[in-house]
Structure formats: C-alpha cells, structure tokens
Amino acid sequence: MHRAVPAAALAVVMTVAALSASQALTERDASNMQQKLQAIVDRGDADPASRLPPLTTSLSEREVNAYLRFVAAPDLPVGLVDPTITIADRGRVSARAQIDLDAVRKSKPRGTLDPLAYVSGVVEVTVAGALEASGGRGKFDLEAATLGGMPVPETLVQELVTYFTRTTENPAGVSLARPFELPARIQQVRTRAGQATIVQ
C-alpha cells in the first residue's frame, strides 16, 4: 500500500484541485494552500458541541495545484505524477495526470478480455465531470475520460480510481458510482471559474 497525505487534507485537495497549463505555480501559493488546509482540518476536528459559526474558505486553482506540486507530490500514490484539475462554474471540474500503467496492470491478474492487460508505460489520463457537494455529502458524475488521448469507458476509469485511492483503511478505494461523505465536516463546495469555496 502507498503512503498517503493526511486523509482529510488529501480528500479536500482531490475534491477541488485545479490547473491551467500556462499557470506559473509558486511555493508561496503552496504555503497559502497549506495554511488554508490546516484551518479546514482544524475546524473539522473541533468539538461539535462548541457551536462555532460557519467557516467559508476560498481555494484558488493556483494555490491547490501549487500545493500538489510542492507539498503533496512526495506523498501521492506511486505511479501517479503531476495531477492537475481545472475548476469551472457550477461544480464543473476536469483533471489530468501522468499515470504508470505498468503499476496498475501488475496490481492483479489480467484476463485476455481485460484492456489493461495490453497497455504499458506512462501515459496521460484526463477526466471531466460535475461535482455536487452539499449537505455534507458529495457525488462526482463522470462525463468524459481519455487515456493516452483515446476515449475510455467509466469501468476503466473506475479501476484507475480504485487503484490510486485505496488505503489501508479503505482497500477498495473510492467508488465513482456512490455518494461520499465530505471530509473535515465540510457541508458544501461551491465553484466558479478558477476557484472553489468550502463551507464548514
């Protein structure tokens, strides 16, 4: 099993991360994101009986992707490199990363009808869809995905997601088909171009 970023922080990042290819990311952006993440995690750990007022935190594409590049990169799953995601209006998000197909292919026995039995090397994967996040729960509806520039079905995307999100606590990984509990007692995620707003 791969080593992971602290679960709540990584879940927040992967829920809202974003990038444009032309962005010049800086370590200062990463530091800003790290401070915001810590505040989100601290709020999530607060005593529910304390009745704190709602906390709203805005995360920019630059901050999130700088964090992924400069802070989280060493702790990402083995075989997942340079993940970036673009945030758009009304929950629209898209992501891309370089993935090591050999690592995925060797993770379990493959039959002759399994498309991953015949692929290898490091290729770019992209996904796009809509994130709905309210009432403390989230759901991602996948709309399109490519592997090495070629469209691929949701079943293949799910296998990749399972492989890269599995942990000792959750060996089955994340399911695209099921709603999930938002981390750190987050109640809502709102998006607009280049920005996500976290409400706790």
Foldseek 3Di string as FASTA:
>chain_A
DAAADPVQLVLVLVQDAADDPPDDADVVLQVVLVVLSVVLLVLLPDDPVVPDPKDKDKRFNRSSQSVCVPPGVVRFGPFWASKHKWFAAQQKMKIKTKGFLVVLLPPDDDDPPDPSVPDGDIWMKMWIFGWFFAQQKIATDTDWMDTNRHTDDVVVVQSVQQVRQADPVRNRGDGNVDMDGRGSSWGGWGTHGRMIMTID
